Amino acid sequence: NEDLDNITPLEIMLKKPTRLEEVYLILCRIEWGISP
């Protein structure tokens, strides 16, 4: 899905996330050291 390459976590949070996007958000949080 090429859309995932240029989407930001904020954009995902502003809409209802799909399962894949939820996983992407979790990975971003881990990378940034943000607790879910």
N, C-alpha and C. Protein backbone atom coordinates (compact mmCIF):
# COMPACT_ATOMS: atom_id res chain seq x y z
N ASN A 1 0.85 -1.20 0.00
CA ASN A 1 0.00 0.00 0.00
C ASN A 1 0.88 1.24 0.00
N GLU A 2 0.93 1.92 -1.13
CA GLU A 2 1.82 3.07 -1.24
C GLU A 2 1.36 4.25 -0.38
N ASP A 3 0.10 4.25 0.02
CA ASP A 3 -0.41 5.34 0.85
C ASP A 3 0.29 5.38 2.21
N LEU A 4 0.75 4.23 2.67
CA LEU A 4 1.35 4.15 4.00
C LEU A 4 2.71 4.84 4.04
N ASP A 5 3.34 4.97 2.87
CA ASP A 5 4.68 5.56 2.82
C ASP A 5 4.68 7.05 3.14
N ASN A 6 3.60 7.76 2.76
CA ASN A 6 3.61 9.21 2.95
C ASN A 6 2.53 9.68 3.91
N ILE A 7 2.06 8.77 4.76
CA ILE A 7 1.05 9.13 5.75
C ILE A 7 1.74 9.33 7.10
N THR A 8 1.26 10.29 7.87
CA THR A 8 1.84 10.54 9.18
C THR A 8 0.95 9.92 10.26
N PRO A 9 1.53 9.61 11.41
CA PRO A 9 0.72 9.06 12.51
C PRO A 9 -0.44 9.99 12.88
N LEU A 10 -0.24 11.30 12.78
CA LEU A 10 -1.31 12.24 13.10
C LEU A 10 -2.49 12.05 12.16
N GLU A 11 -2.21 11.87 10.88
CA GLU A 11 -3.28 11.65 9.91
C GLU A 11 -4.08 10.40 10.24
N ILE A 12 -3.38 9.36 10.70
CA ILE A 12 -4.05 8.12 11.06
C ILE A 12 -4.95 8.34 12.27
N MET A 13 -4.45 9.10 13.24
CA MET A 13 -5.22 9.32 14.47
C MET A 13 -6.46 10.17 14.21
N LEU A 14 -6.44 11.00 13.16
CA LEU A 14 -7.57 11.87 12.86
C LEU A 14 -8.71 11.13 12.17
N LYS A 15 -8.43 9.93 11.68
CA LYS A 15 -9.50 9.13 11.09
C LYS A 15 -9.53 7.77 11.77
N LYS A 16 -10.53 6.98 11.45
CA LYS A 16 -10.61 5.65 12.05
C LYS A 16 -9.54 4.76 11.43
N PRO A 17 -8.57 4.31 12.22
CA PRO A 17 -7.45 3.55 11.66
C PRO A 17 -7.85 2.13 11.28
N THR A 18 -7.23 1.64 10.23
CA THR A 18 -7.39 0.23 9.88
C THR A 18 -6.47 -0.59 10.78
N ARG A 19 -6.59 -1.89 10.73
CA ARG A 19 -5.74 -2.74 11.56
C ARG A 19 -4.26 -2.51 11.25
N LEU A 20 -3.93 -2.40 9.95
CA LEU A 20 -2.55 -2.18 9.55
C LEU A 20 -2.05 -0.85 10.09
N GLU A 21 -2.89 0.17 10.04
CA GLU A 21 -2.49 1.49 10.53
C GLU A 21 -2.31 1.49 12.04
N GLU A 22 -3.13 0.71 12.75
CA GLU A 22 -2.97 0.60 14.20
C GLU A 22 -1.61 0.00 14.54
N VAL A 23 -1.21 -1.01 13.79
CA VAL A 23 0.12 -1.63 14.00
C VAL A 23 1.21 -0.61 13.70
N TYR A 24 1.02 0.15 12.61
CA TYR A 24 1.99 1.19 12.23
C TYR A 24 2.13 2.23 13.34
N LEU A 25 1.01 2.62 13.92
CA LEU A 25 1.05 3.59 15.02
C LEU A 25 1.80 3.05 16.22
N ILE A 26 1.57 1.78 16.55
CA ILE A 26 2.25 1.16 17.68
C ILE A 26 3.76 1.14 17.44
N LEU A 27 4.16 0.80 16.21
CA LEU A 27 5.58 0.78 15.89
C LEU A 27 6.20 2.17 15.99
N CYS A 28 5.47 3.18 15.57
CA CYS A 28 5.95 4.56 15.68
C CYS A 28 6.11 4.95 17.15
N ARG A 29 5.15 4.57 17.97
CA ARG A 29 5.22 4.90 19.39
C ARG A 29 6.43 4.25 20.04
N ILE A 30 6.69 3.01 19.67
CA ILE A 30 7.86 2.30 20.20
C ILE A 30 9.14 3.02 19.78
N GLU A 31 9.18 3.43 18.50
CA GLU A 31 10.36 4.07 17.97
C GLU A 31 10.61 5.41 18.65
N TRP A 32 9.54 6.13 18.92
CA TRP A 32 9.67 7.45 19.55
C TRP A 32 9.77 7.36 21.07
N GLY A 33 9.53 6.17 21.61
CA GLY A 33 9.55 6.02 23.06
C GLY A 33 8.31 6.57 23.72
N ILE A 34 7.20 6.60 22.98
CA ILE A 34 5.94 7.09 23.54
C ILE A 34 5.13 5.88 24.01
N SER A 35 4.67 5.93 25.24
CA SER A 35 3.88 4.82 25.73
C SER A 35 2.46 4.91 25.16
N PRO A 36 1.89 3.80 24.73
CA PRO A 36 0.56 3.79 24.10
C PRO A 36 -0.53 4.33 25.01
